[in-house]
Amino acid sequence: MNTNIEYLGLKLKSPILAGSCGLTANIENLCKLEEAGAGAVVLKSIFEEQIIYDIKRNTHMYAPVGNYGDSYEYIAQHVADDSVQKHFDLIREAKRRLTIPVIGSINCYSHETWLTYAKQFQDAGCDALELNMAIMPFETSLSTDDVERTFSNIVQSLKKSISIPISIKVGTYFTDLAKFMQQLSWMGIQGITMFNKSLQVDVDVDAERLCNADSLTYPGELYNTLRWTAILSRKLRCNLCATTGVSDGKDVVKLLLAGATAVQVASCLYRHGVEYMKTLNDDLRAWMEGKGYESLDQFRGRLAMSTSDKAGMLMRTQFMNYFADIK
């Protein structure tokens, strides 16, 4: 049975990838994930804020900057280099020990830093790069055009700077999600990953303060990912990788039927261990065998929507079925 796919121009033995998370931050887990059948691994993102935090912590920037004199810029750069070096060491070690593709992940907010880290990840040996572009629209001074222009400028600059495949990981915070994802795919990138799991906020009612909520996804979140995968998979000029809400092998099958090229998982690995990757692959193969499919191409995209009119009609029909009990 053939579960091979081509994703971002890379040959993968499975469409199931280990998504960027803490579990992909050490070589032991990466080796276990490969052994369990992961098609590729996306390394834990490097965050620009983390680098800045390390600089502040190690140079004691809570003291006046002037205390460091002319040496500050040198010290700050040394700390930044040391902070990201562990990521590059992991990439080199992973490339030495793994046979599956290793995809880097970066999350920045300044244009220049995107370019700097992208080049360094390429030089360290990454097979591809996922841009974790979690741009939250909380600034009232930013318009839709401003946000979309940021995406466009970063993509165009990176295309000129690096040669490895680029994928963009996006959230759902777009007023024209379908249109912009299509436009993004026209920019020459190789993939789009939907969707980014943003930080969830809760309230501690006893302490009367904001706090972090559970960061793991839950099964109910799959439906939004499934909807947009079915709507967009035939409209993009690049691969579509689906993620968020995947809990078992059946969810993987659903997303492939909706047209996803590949599926990223993370939360279910936290819940069941990295060895659960084998269960996901076994379930996919068992389903294919039960249906008589010899390859993914025989069913992938079978339930994808062909036109926006069809998508609109489906959503409207579902609404009527639910509220008007129309069968």
Protein backbone atom coordinates (compact mmCIF):
# COMPACT_ATOMS: atom_id res chain seq x y z
CA MET A 1 0.00 0.00 0.00
CA ASN A 2 1.41 3.34 -1.09
CA THR A 3 1.08 6.30 1.29
CA ASN A 4 3.86 8.31 -0.36
CA ILE A 5 3.21 11.97 -1.15
CA GLU A 6 5.11 14.97 -2.47
CA TYR A 7 4.89 17.90 -0.09
CA LEU A 8 6.75 21.19 -0.62
CA GLY A 9 8.62 19.40 -3.39
CA LEU A 10 9.87 16.81 -0.88
CA LYS A 11 9.26 13.07 -1.07
CA LEU A 12 7.44 11.81 2.04
CA LYS A 13 6.54 8.23 2.98
CA SER A 14 3.47 9.40 4.90
CA PRO A 15 1.14 12.42 4.72
CA ILE A 16 1.21 12.71 8.51
CA LEU A 17 3.76 15.20 9.86
CA ALA A 18 4.77 16.04 13.40
CA GLY A 19 3.84 19.70 13.77
CA SER A 20 5.97 22.35 15.40
CA CYS A 21 5.77 22.00 19.19
CA GLY A 22 7.84 21.22 22.25
CA LEU A 23 7.92 17.55 21.27
CA THR A 24 9.98 18.37 18.18
CA ALA A 25 12.60 20.27 20.14
CA ASN A 26 14.94 17.37 20.93
CA ILE A 27 16.65 14.70 18.87
CA GLU A 28 15.33 11.77 20.91
CA ASN A 29 11.72 12.58 20.07
CA LEU A 30 12.57 13.27 16.45
CA CYS A 31 14.11 9.82 16.11
CA LYS A 32 11.07 8.22 17.76
CA LEU A 33 8.75 10.11 15.42
CA GLU A 34 10.63 8.88 12.37
CA GLU A 35 10.56 5.32 13.70
CA ALA A 36 6.79 5.67 14.26
CA GLY A 37 6.28 6.65 10.64
CA ALA A 38 6.18 10.45 10.52
CA GLY A 39 6.44 11.70 6.97
CA ALA A 40 8.45 14.71 8.12
CA VAL A 41 9.06 16.76 11.25
CA VAL A 42 8.52 20.48 11.75
CA LEU A 43 10.90 21.67 14.43
CA LYS A 44 9.77 23.77 17.37
CA SER A 45 9.50 27.39 16.29
CA ILE A 46 12.17 29.88 17.15
CA PHE A 47 10.48 33.04 18.42
CA GLU A 48 12.03 36.46 18.05
CA GLU A 49 10.61 37.39 21.45
CA GLN A 50 12.53 34.49 23.03
CA ILE A 51 15.79 35.83 21.62
CA ILE A 52 15.01 39.29 22.95
CA TYR A 53 14.14 37.80 26.34
CA ASP A 54 17.46 35.96 26.44
CA ILE A 55 19.31 39.16 25.61
CA LYS A 56 17.55 41.03 28.41
CA ARG A 57 18.12 38.24 30.89
CA ASN A 58 21.78 37.75 30.10
CA THR A 59 22.75 41.40 29.77
CA HIS A 60 20.58 42.51 32.73
CA MET A 61 18.82 45.12 30.64
CA TYR A 62 16.64 46.07 33.56
CA ALA A 63 19.65 48.26 34.39
CA PRO A 64 20.23 51.40 32.28
CA VAL A 65 21.51 50.54 28.83
CA GLY A 66 24.11 53.24 29.22
CA ASN A 67 25.89 51.12 31.80
CA TYR A 68 27.21 48.89 29.02
CA GLY A 69 28.69 51.66 26.94
CA ASP A 70 30.02 50.73 23.52
CA SER A 71 30.10 47.05 24.45
CA TYR A 72 26.32 46.61 24.61
CA GLU A 73 25.70 45.88 20.92
CA TYR A 74 28.50 43.32 20.88
CA ILE A 75 27.23 41.60 24.03
CA ALA A 76 23.62 41.58 22.80
CA GLN A 77 24.62 40.07 19.47
CA HIS A 78 26.72 37.42 21.19
CA VAL A 79 23.79 36.45 23.43
CA ALA A 80 21.42 36.33 20.43
CA ASP A 81 23.81 34.13 18.48
CA ASP A 82 24.22 31.80 21.43
CA SER A 83 20.45 31.63 21.96
CA VAL A 84 19.70 30.45 18.41
CA GLN A 85 22.75 28.21 18.13
CA LYS A 86 20.94 25.37 19.92
CA HIS A 87 18.31 25.41 17.18
CA PHE A 88 20.94 25.14 14.48
CA ASP A 89 22.70 22.37 16.38
CA LEU A 90 19.41 20.46 16.51
CA ILE A 91 18.93 20.91 12.77
CA ARG A 92 22.40 19.58 11.99
CA GLU A 93 21.96 16.64 14.36
CA ALA A 94 18.53 15.85 12.91
CA LYS A 95 19.88 15.94 9.36
CA ARG A 96 22.69 13.62 10.40
CA ARG A 97 20.44 11.05 12.09
CA LEU A 98 17.10 11.24 10.28
CA THR A 99 16.19 10.18 6.76
CA ILE A 100 12.86 12.04 6.67
CA PRO A 101 12.71 15.76 5.78
CA VAL A 102 13.43 18.28 8.51
CA ILE A 103 11.39 21.48 8.28
CA GLY A 104 12.42 24.55 10.25
CA SER A 105 9.93 26.96 11.81
CA ILE A 106 10.38 30.62 12.64
CA ASN A 107 8.07 33.18 14.21
CA CYS A 108 9.22 36.78 13.98
CA TYR A 109 7.67 40.23 13.85
CA SER A 110 10.42 42.40 12.33
CA HIS A 111 11.11 42.17 8.62
CA GLU A 112 14.89 42.03 8.96
CA THR A 113 14.78 39.21 11.51
CA TRP A 114 12.64 37.04 9.22
CA LEU A 115 15.36 37.33 6.57
CA THR A 116 18.25 36.73 8.96
CA TYR A 117 16.83 33.60 10.56
CA ALA A 118 15.54 32.18 7.29
CA LYS A 119 19.03 32.30 5.79
CA GLN A 120 20.54 30.74 8.91
CA PHE A 121 18.01 27.90 8.94
CA GLN A 122 18.76 27.21 5.31
CA ASP A 123 22.51 27.23 5.96
CA ALA A 124 22.02 24.83 8.88
CA GLY A 125 20.49 22.29 6.48
CA CYS A 126 16.69 22.54 6.73
CA ASP A 127 14.88 20.91 3.83
CA ALA A 128 12.12 23.53 3.95
CA LEU A 129 10.96 26.42 6.10
CA GLU A 130 7.56 27.02 7.68
CA LEU A 131 6.87 30.66 8.46
CA ASN A 132 4.71 30.72 11.57
CA MET A 133 3.06 34.04 10.77
CA ALA A 134 0.80 34.51 13.76
CA ILE A 135 -0.24 38.11 13.18
CA MET A 136 -3.09 38.90 15.56
CA PRO A 137 -5.29 41.85 14.54
CA PHE A 138 -5.33 43.51 17.94
CA GLU A 139 -3.85 46.83 16.82
CA THR A 140 -6.63 49.27 15.96
CA SER A 141 -4.16 51.22 13.85
CA LEU A 142 -3.71 48.24 11.48
CA SER A 143 -6.07 47.69 8.58
CA THR A 144 -6.69 44.53 6.61
CA ASP A 145 -4.50 45.93 3.85
CA ASP A 146 -1.66 46.53 6.33
CA VAL A 147 -1.72 42.93 7.54
CA GLU A 148 -1.90 41.47 4.04
CA ARG A 149 0.90 43.77 2.89
CA THR A 150 3.07 42.46 5.73
CA PHE A 151 2.57 38.89 4.51
CA SER A 152 3.30 39.85 0.93
CA ASN A 153 6.45 41.82 1.73
CA ILE A 154 7.93 39.04 3.88
CA VAL A 155 7.17 36.34 1.31
CA GLN A 156 8.60 38.31 -1.59
CA SER A 157 11.77 39.17 0.35
CA LEU A 158 12.34 35.59 1.48
CA LYS A 159 11.86 34.23 -2.02
CA LYS A 160 14.78 36.40 -3.11
CA SER A 161 16.93 35.39 -0.14
CA ILE A 162 16.57 31.62 0.22
CA SER A 163 16.16 28.71 -2.17
CA ILE A 164 14.54 26.05 0.04
CA PRO A 165 10.74 25.59 -0.15
CA ILE A 166 8.61 28.00 1.88
CA SER A 167 5.32 27.24 3.61
CA ILE A 168 3.17 29.77 5.47
CA LYS A 169 1.33 28.79 8.64
CA VAL A 170 -1.68 31.05 9.08
CA GLY A 171 -4.46 31.71 11.54
CA THR A 172 -8.13 32.38 10.86
CA TYR A 173 -8.08 36.12 11.54
CA PHE A 174 -8.73 37.39 8.02
CA THR A 175 -11.81 39.24 6.83
CA ASP A 176 -11.37 37.68 3.39
CA LEU A 177 -9.75 34.36 4.29
CA ALA A 178 -10.59 32.48 1.08
CA LYS A 179 -9.50 35.27 -1.24
CA PHE A 180 -6.27 36.07 0.60
CA MET A 181 -5.20 32.42 0.93
CA GLN A 182 -5.62 32.08 -2.82
CA GLN A 183 -3.63 35.27 -3.42
CA LEU A 184 -0.95 34.06 -1.03
CA SER A 185 -0.66 30.81 -2.97
CA TRP A 186 -0.05 32.82 -6.14
CA MET A 187 3.10 34.38 -4.65
CA GLY A 188 5.24 31.37 -5.48
CA ILE A 189 5.28 29.70 -2.08
CA GLN A 190 5.13 25.91 -1.92
CA GLY A 191 2.59 25.44 0.88
CA ILE A 192 0.04 26.88 3.30
CA THR A 193 -0.64 25.31 6.69
CA MET A 194 -4.09 25.95 8.21
CA PHE A 195 -4.45 26.78 11.05
CA ASN A 196 -2.18 28.27 13.64
CA LYS A 197 -3.24 27.64 17.24
CA SER A 198 -3.09 31.03 18.92
CA LEU A 199 -2.58 31.50 22.65
CA GLN A 200 -5.85 30.95 24.49
CA VAL A 201 -6.76 33.26 27.35
CA ASP A 202 -8.71 32.39 30.47
CA VAL A 203 -9.64 34.22 33.66
CA ASP A 204 -8.66 33.18 37.15
CA VAL A 205 -11.78 34.35 38.98
CA ASP A 206 -10.20 33.88 42.42
CA ALA A 207 -7.10 35.93 41.66
CA GLU A 208 -9.09 38.18 39.29
CA ARG A 209 -6.43 38.08 36.60
CA LEU A 210 -5.96 36.90 33.06
CA CYS A 211 -4.13 33.61 32.62
CA ASN A 212 -3.25 31.12 29.92
CA ALA A 213 -5.81 28.49 28.96
CA ASP A 214 -5.08 24.96 27.77
CA SER A 215 -2.97 25.26 24.64
CA LEU A 216 -3.83 21.82 23.25
CA THR A 217 -6.47 21.56 20.56
CA TYR A 218 -9.64 19.56 21.08
CA PRO A 219 -11.62 17.42 18.59
CA GLY A 220 -14.33 20.04 18.02
CA GLU A 221 -11.78 22.38 16.43
CA LEU A 222 -11.37 19.96 13.54
CA TYR A 223 -14.61 21.10 11.91
CA ASN A 224 -13.35 24.57 11.09
CA THR A 225 -10.13 23.14 9.66
CA LEU A 226 -12.14 20.60 7.69
CA ARG A 227 -14.48 23.24 6.28
CA TRP A 228 -11.70 25.47 5.00
CA THR A 229 -9.66 22.56 3.69
CA ALA A 230 -12.63 21.43 1.58
CA ILE A 231 -13.30 24.99 0.37
CA LEU A 232 -9.71 25.95 -0.52
CA SER A 233 -7.83 22.79 -1.45
CA ARG A 234 -8.74 23.01 -5.15
CA LYS A 235 -8.27 26.75 -5.33
CA LEU A 236 -4.68 27.07 -4.15
CA ARG A 237 -1.60 26.95 -6.37
CA CYS A 238 0.39 25.29 -3.64
CA ASN A 239 0.13 22.40 -1.20
CA LEU A 240 -2.35 22.68 1.66
CA CYS A 241 -1.35 21.16 4.99
CA ALA A 242 -4.21 20.84 7.49
CA THR A 243 -3.81 21.01 11.25
CA THR A 244 -5.72 21.86 14.48
CA GLY A 245 -8.22 19.47 16.00
CA VAL A 246 -6.72 16.21 14.70
CA SER A 247 -7.16 13.53 17.35
CA ASP A 248 -7.06 10.18 15.54
CA GLY A 249 -6.56 8.40 12.25
CA LYS A 250 -10.13 9.00 11.16
CA ASP A 251 -9.52 12.75 11.37
CA VAL A 252 -6.50 12.34 9.12
CA VAL A 253 -8.66 10.50 6.57
CA LYS A 254 -11.31 13.24 6.70
CA LEU A 255 -8.79 15.97 5.94
CA LEU A 256 -7.24 13.99 3.09
CA LEU A 257 -10.70 13.42 1.60
CA ALA A 258 -11.29 17.17 1.86
CA GLY A 259 -8.15 17.77 -0.20
CA ALA A 260 -5.27 18.27 2.22
CA THR A 261 -1.90 17.29 0.80
CA ALA A 262 -0.59 16.56 4.29
CA VAL A 263 -1.76 16.67 7.90
CA GLN A 264 0.19 18.00 10.88
CA VAL A 265 -0.42 16.68 14.38
CA ALA A 266 0.77 17.82 17.79
CA SER A 267 -1.89 17.78 20.54
CA CYS A 268 -2.69 14.08 20.09
CA LEU A 269 1.04 13.34 20.45
CA TYR A 270 1.07 15.22 23.75
CA ARG A 271 -1.92 13.23 24.94
CA HIS A 272 -0.76 9.79 23.81
CA GLY A 273 3.01 10.10 23.34
CA VAL A 274 5.11 10.46 20.21
CA GLU A 275 4.65 6.74 19.50
CA TYR A 276 1.00 7.56 18.67
CA MET A 277 2.28 8.55 15.26
CA LYS A 278 2.39 4.82 14.46
CA THR A 279 -1.26 4.42 15.44
CA LEU A 280 -2.24 7.28 13.13
CA ASN A 281 -0.41 5.71 10.21
CA ASP A 282 -1.78 2.25 10.98
CA ASP A 283 -5.33 3.61 11.11
CA LEU A 284 -4.87 5.39 7.79
CA ARG A 285 -3.60 2.23 6.11
CA ALA A 286 -6.36 0.12 7.68
CA TRP A 287 -9.00 2.48 6.33
CA MET A 288 -7.41 2.45 2.88
CA GLU A 289 -7.26 -1.33 2.88
CA GLY A 290 -10.90 -1.57 3.94
CA LYS A 291 -11.89 0.70 1.06
CA GLY A 292 -9.65 -1.01 -1.47
CA TYR A 293 -7.42 2.03 -2.06
CA GLU A 294 -3.84 1.36 -3.09
CA SER A 295 -2.64 4.98 -2.98
CA LEU A 296 -3.61 8.33 -1.53
CA ASP A 297 -4.24 9.79 -4.98
CA GLN A 298 -7.21 7.47 -5.39
CA PHE A 299 -9.23 9.32 -2.75
CA ARG A 300 -7.46 12.52 -1.74
CA GLY A 301 -9.61 15.53 -2.54
CA ARG A 302 -12.70 13.46 -3.36
CA LEU A 303 -14.82 15.68 -1.11
CA ALA A 304 -13.13 18.99 -1.93
CA MET A 305 -15.44 21.75 -3.17
CA SER A 306 -14.89 22.79 -6.76
CA THR A 307 -16.38 26.31 -6.75
CA SER A 308 -17.19 29.05 -4.27
CA ASP A 309 -20.85 28.84 -5.32
CA LYS A 310 -20.93 25.20 -4.32
CA ALA A 311 -19.33 26.07 -0.98
CA GLY A 312 -21.89 28.78 -0.34
CA MET A 313 -24.77 26.49 -1.24
CA LEU A 314 -23.46 23.77 1.05
CA MET A 315 -23.15 26.14 3.99
CA ARG A 316 -26.65 27.51 3.32
CA THR A 317 -28.13 24.01 3.02
CA GLN A 318 -26.55 22.94 6.28
CA PHE A 319 -28.01 26.01 7.99
CA MET A 320 -31.48 25.24 6.66
CA ASN A 321 -31.24 21.57 7.61
CA TYR A 322 -30.28 22.45 11.15
CA PHE A 323 -32.70 25.26 11.89
CA ALA A 324 -35.64 24.55 9.58
CA ASP A 325 -35.46 20.75 9.79
CA ILE A 326 -35.40 20.58 5.98
CA LYS A 327 -34.25 17.16 4.78
